[in-house]
PDB file of N, CA and C in Angstrom:
ATOM      1  N   UNK A   1       3.499 110.246 144.486  1.00  0.00           N
ATOM      2  CA  UNK A   1       3.082 110.717 145.792  1.00  0.00           C
ATOM      3  C   UNK A   1       3.185 109.550 146.776  1.00  0.00           C
ATOM      4  N   UNK A   2       3.760 109.801 147.918  1.00  0.00           N
ATOM      5  CA  UNK A   2       3.853 108.749 148.923  1.00  0.00           C
ATOM      6  C   UNK A   2       2.860 109.012 150.051  1.00  0.00           C
ATOM      7  N   UNK A   3       2.936 108.244 151.124  1.00  0.00           N
ATOM      8  CA  UNK A   3       1.965 108.367 152.219  1.00  0.00           C
ATOM      9  C   UNK A   3       2.088 109.687 152.977  1.00  0.00           C
ATOM     10  N   UNK A   4       3.199 110.398 152.823  1.00  0.00           N
ATOM     11  CA  UNK A   4       3.382 111.695 153.482  1.00  0.00           C
ATOM     12  C   UNK A   4       2.905 112.849 152.606  1.00  0.00           C
ATOM     13  N   UNK A   5       2.260 112.530 151.491  1.00  0.00           N
ATOM     14  CA  UNK A   5       1.771 113.509 150.516  1.00  0.00           C
ATOM     15  C   UNK A   5       2.898 114.355 149.950  1.00  0.00           C
ATOM     16  N   UNK A   6       4.049 113.742 149.744  1.00  0.00           N
ATOM     17  CA  UNK A   6       5.166 114.397 149.080  1.00  0.00           C
ATOM     18  C   UNK A   6       5.574 113.548 147.897  1.00  0.00           C
ATOM     19  N   UNK A   7       6.322 114.139 146.995  1.00  0.00           N
ATOM     20  CA  UNK A   7       6.867 113.416 145.857  1.00  0.00           C
ATOM     21  C   UNK A   7       8.371 113.339 146.013  1.00  0.00           C
ATOM     22  N   UNK A   8       8.963 112.302 145.467  1.00  0.00           N
ATOM     23  CA  UNK A   8      10.414 112.177 145.486  1.00  0.00           C
ATOM     24  C   UNK A   8      10.901 112.353 144.053  1.00  0.00           C
ATOM     25  N   UNK A   9      11.691 113.417 143.813  1.00  0.00           N
ATOM     26  CA  UNK A   9      12.238 113.698 142.492  1.00  0.00           C
ATOM     27  C   UNK A   9      13.750 113.698 142.622  1.00  0.00           C
ATOM     28  N   UNK A  10      14.410 112.815 141.885  1.00  0.00           N
ATOM     29  CA  UNK A  10      15.874 112.689 141.949  1.00  0.00           C
ATOM     30  C   UNK A  10      16.364 112.512 143.380  1.00  0.00           C
ATOM     31  N   UNK A  11      15.625 111.775 144.191  1.00  0.00           N
ATOM     32  CA  UNK A  11      16.025 111.491 145.560  1.00  0.00           C
ATOM     33  C   UNK A  11      15.748 112.602 146.552  1.00  0.00           C
ATOM     34  N   UNK A  12      15.066 113.674 146.114  1.00  0.00           N
ATOM     35  CA  UNK A  12      14.766 114.814 146.981  1.00  0.00           C
ATOM     36  C   UNK A  12      13.256 114.910 147.157  1.00  0.00           C
ATOM     37  N   UNK A  13      12.810 115.088 148.411  1.00  0.00           N
ATOM     38  CA  UNK A  13      11.387 115.226 148.682  1.00  0.00           C
ATOM     39  C   UNK A  13      10.883 116.563 148.161  1.00  0.00           C
ATOM     40  N   UNK A  14       9.767 116.535 147.477  1.00  0.00           N
ATOM     41  CA  UNK A  14       9.131 117.746 146.962  1.00  0.00           C
ATOM     42  C   UNK A  14       7.687 117.773 147.443  1.00  0.00           C
ATOM     43  N   UNK A  15       7.228 118.931 147.888  1.00  0.00           N
ATOM     44  CA  UNK A  15       5.842 119.094 148.321  1.00  0.00           C
ATOM     45  C   UNK A  15       5.096 119.833 147.228  1.00  0.00           C
ATOM     46  N   UNK A  16       3.907 119.371 146.924  1.00  0.00           N
ATOM     47  CA  UNK A  16       3.084 120.054 145.935  1.00  0.00           C
ATOM     48  C   UNK A  16       2.528 121.312 146.587  1.00  0.00           C
ATOM     49  N   UNK A  17       2.978 122.480 146.118  1.00  0.00           N
ATOM     50  CA  UNK A  17       2.609 123.758 146.729  1.00  0.00           C
ATOM     51  C   UNK A  17       1.107 123.989 146.653  1.00  0.00           C
ATOM     52  N   UNK A  18       0.460 123.507 145.630  1.00  0.00           N
ATOM     53  CA  UNK A  18      -0.983 123.695 145.478  1.00  0.00           C
ATOM     54  C   UNK A  18      -1.757 123.107 146.651  1.00  0.00           C
ATOM     55  N   UNK A  19      -1.215 122.108 147.320  1.00  0.00           N
ATOM     56  CA  UNK A  19      -1.894 121.516 148.462  1.00  0.00           C
ATOM     57  C   UNK A  19      -1.737 122.373 149.708  1.00  0.00           C
ATOM     58  N   UNK A  20      -0.728 123.244 149.740  1.00  0.00           N
ATOM     59  CA  UNK A  20      -0.483 124.082 150.908  1.00  0.00           C
ATOM     60  C   UNK A  20      -1.311 125.358 150.843  1.00  0.00           C
ATOM     61  N   UNK A  21      -1.377 125.975 149.669  1.00  0.00           N
ATOM     62  CA  UNK A  21      -2.083 127.237 149.495  1.00  0.00           C
ATOM     63  C   UNK A  21      -3.536 126.975 149.141  1.00  0.00           C
ATOM     64  N   UNK A  22      -4.444 127.642 149.823  1.00  0.00           N
ATOM     65  CA  UNK A  22      -5.857 127.495 149.505  1.00  0.00           C
ATOM     66  C   UNK A  22      -6.284 128.607 148.569  1.00  0.00           C
ATOM     67  N   UNK A  23      -7.250 128.321 147.734  1.00  0.00           N
ATOM     68  CA  UNK A  23      -7.793 129.321 146.828  1.00  0.00           C
ATOM     69  C   UNK A  23      -8.653 130.298 147.597  1.00  0.00           C
ATOM     70  N   UNK A  24      -8.909 131.442 146.957  1.00  0.00           N
ATOM     71  CA  UNK A  24      -9.771 132.449 147.557  1.00  0.00           C
ATOM     72  C   UNK A  24     -11.164 131.884 147.772  1.00  0.00           C
ATOM     73  N   UNK A  25     -11.827 132.339 148.805  1.00  0.00           N
ATOM     74  CA  UNK A  25     -13.201 131.920 149.030  1.00  0.00           C
ATOM     75  C   UNK A  25     -13.495 131.699 150.497  1.00  0.00           C
ATOM     76  N   UNK A  26     -14.614 131.046 150.735  1.00  0.00           N
ATOM     77  CA  UNK A  26     -15.057 130.729 152.088  1.00  0.00           C
ATOM     78  C   UNK A  26     -15.076 129.214 152.229  1.00  0.00           C
ATOM     79  N   UNK A  27     -14.445 128.715 153.270  1.00  0.00           N
ATOM     80  CA  UNK A  27     -14.384 127.281 153.525  1.00  0.00           C
ATOM     81  C   UNK A  27     -15.172 126.966 154.786  1.00  0.00           C
ATOM     82  N   UNK A  28     -16.072 126.010 154.686  1.00  0.00           N
ATOM     83  CA  UNK A  28     -16.903 125.601 155.812  1.00  0.00           C
ATOM     84  C   UNK A  28     -16.445 124.238 156.306  1.00  0.00           C
ATOM     85  N   UNK A  29     -16.588 124.015 157.610  1.00  0.00           N
ATOM     86  CA  UNK A  29     -16.193 122.738 158.197  1.00  0.00           C
ATOM     87  C   UNK A  29     -17.129 122.418 159.349  1.00  0.00           C
ATOM     88  N   UNK A  30     -17.435 121.153 159.522  1.00  0.00           N
ATOM     89  CA  UNK A  30     -18.224 120.741 160.682  1.00  0.00           C
ATOM     90  C   UNK A  30     -17.509 119.580 161.367  1.00  0.00           C
ATOM     91  N   UNK A  31     -17.508 119.621 162.690  1.00  0.00           N
ATOM     92  CA  UNK A  31     -16.896 118.568 163.500  1.00  0.00           C
ATOM     93  C   UNK A  31     -17.819 118.259 164.663  1.00  0.00           C
ATOM     94  N   UNK A  32     -17.628 117.090 165.255  1.00  0.00           N
ATOM     95  CA  UNK A  32     -18.344 116.734 166.472  1.00  0.00           C
ATOM     96  C   UNK A  32     -17.432 117.010 167.657  1.00  0.00           C
ATOM     97  N   UNK A  33     -17.953 117.709 168.670  1.00  0.00           N
ATOM     98  CA  UNK A  33     -17.145 117.948 169.862  1.00  0.00           C
ATOM     99  C   UNK A  33     -17.201 116.724 170.773  1.00  0.00           C
ATOM    100  N   UNK A  34     -16.593 116.823 171.947  1.00  0.00           N
ATOM    101  CA  UNK A  34     -16.516 115.662 172.844  1.00  0.00           C
ATOM    102  C   UNK A  34     -17.886 115.231 173.372  1.00  0.00           C
ATOM    103  N   UNK A  35     -18.901 116.111 173.277  1.00  0.00           N
ATOM    104  CA  UNK A  35     -20.270 115.748 173.675  1.00  0.00           C
ATOM    105  C   UNK A  35     -21.115 115.306 172.491  1.00  0.00           C
ATOM    106  N   UNK A  36     -20.461 115.069 171.345  1.00  0.00           N
ATOM    107  CA  UNK A  36     -21.126 114.630 170.110  1.00  0.00           C
ATOM    108  C   UNK A  36     -22.090 115.692 169.584  1.00  0.00           C
ATOM    109  N   UNK A  37     -21.784 116.966 169.815  1.00  0.00           N
ATOM    110  CA  UNK A  37     -22.571 118.079 169.290  1.00  0.00           C
ATOM    111  C   UNK A  37     -21.829 118.647 168.083  1.00  0.00           C
ATOM    112  N   UNK A  38     -22.557 118.910 166.998  1.00  0.00           N
ATOM    113  CA  UNK A  38     -21.941 119.460 165.797  1.00  0.00           C
ATOM    114  C   UNK A  38     -21.477 120.892 166.035  1.00  0.00           C
ATOM    115  N   UNK A  39     -20.242 121.169 165.633  1.00  0.00           N
ATOM    116  CA  UNK A  39     -19.670 122.511 165.711  1.00  0.00           C
ATOM    117  C   UNK A  39     -19.313 122.918 164.286  1.00  0.00           C
ATOM    118  N   UNK A  40     -19.850 124.048 163.832  1.00  0.00           N
ATOM    119  CA  UNK A  40     -19.634 124.522 162.477  1.00  0.00           C
ATOM    120  C   UNK A  40     -18.711 125.731 162.500  1.00  0.00           C
ATOM    121  N   UNK A  41     -17.735 125.748 161.604  1.00  0.00           N
ATOM    122  CA  UNK A  41     -16.817 126.875 161.501  1.00  0.00           C
ATOM    123  C   UNK A  41     -16.696 127.291 160.041  1.00  0.00           C
ATOM    124  N   UNK A  42     -16.293 128.533 159.838  1.00  0.00           N
ATOM    125  CA  UNK A  42     -16.054 129.046 158.497  1.00  0.00           C
ATOM    126  C   UNK A  42     -14.755 129.824 158.479  1.00  0.00           C
ATOM    127  N   UNK A  43     -14.033 129.736 157.378  1.00  0.00           N
ATOM    128  CA  UNK A  43     -12.780 130.457 157.206  1.00  0.00           C
ATOM    129  C   UNK A  43     -12.858 131.238 155.906  1.00  0.00           C
ATOM    130  N   UNK A  44     -12.508 132.520 155.968  1.00  0.00           N
ATOM    131  CA  UNK A  44     -12.514 133.363 154.777  1.00  0.00           C
ATOM    132  C   UNK A  44     -11.071 133.563 154.327  1.00  0.00           C
ATOM    133  N   UNK A  45     -10.779 133.242 153.069  1.00  0.00           N
ATOM    134  CA  UNK A  45      -9.465 133.463 152.479  1.00  0.00           C
ATOM    135  C   UNK A  45      -9.620 134.595 151.467  1.00  0.00           C
ATOM    136  N   UNK A  46      -9.036 135.769 151.777  1.00  0.00           N
ATOM    137  CA  UNK A  46      -9.150 136.913 150.872  1.00  0.00           C
ATOM    138  C   UNK A  46      -7.937 136.976 149.951  1.00  0.00           C
ATOM    139  N   UNK A  47      -8.015 137.821 148.932  1.00  0.00           N
ATOM    140  CA  UNK A  47      -6.904 137.933 147.997  1.00  0.00           C
ATOM    141  C   UNK A  47      -5.846 138.922 148.458  1.00  0.00           C
ATOM    142  N   UNK A  48      -6.108 139.676 149.536  1.00  0.00           N
ATOM    143  CA  UNK A  48      -5.108 140.602 150.061  1.00  0.00           C
ATOM    144  C   UNK A  48      -5.397 140.903 151.524  1.00  0.00           C
ATOM    145  N   UNK A  49      -4.376 141.371 152.215  1.00  0.00           N
ATOM    146  CA  UNK A  49      -4.528 141.794 153.604  1.00  0.00           C
ATOM    147  C   UNK A  49      -4.691 140.645 154.582  1.00  0.00           C
ATOM    148  N   UNK A  50      -4.584 140.962 155.841  1.00  0.00           N
ATOM    149  CA  UNK A  50      -4.814 139.986 156.904  1.00  0.00           C
ATOM    150  C   UNK A  50      -3.753 138.918 157.009  1.00  0.00           C
ATOM    151  N   UNK A  51      -2.655 139.057 156.284  1.00  0.00           N
ATOM    152  CA  UNK A  51      -1.533 138.149 156.193  1.00  0.00           C
ATOM    153  C   UNK A  51      -1.446 137.135 157.205  1.00  0.00           C
TER     154      UNK A  51
END
């Protein structure tokens, strides 16, 4: 794995697909906005629909 999070196999860049696709579930995230206030978000990844 290099700094671009890719692998080089036989001189060809390969991306680990597992890093692109997220598993089913709910993902939570918190960030600070420009006023240093916490902003919380959630993302739902279902097994079907909503493509």
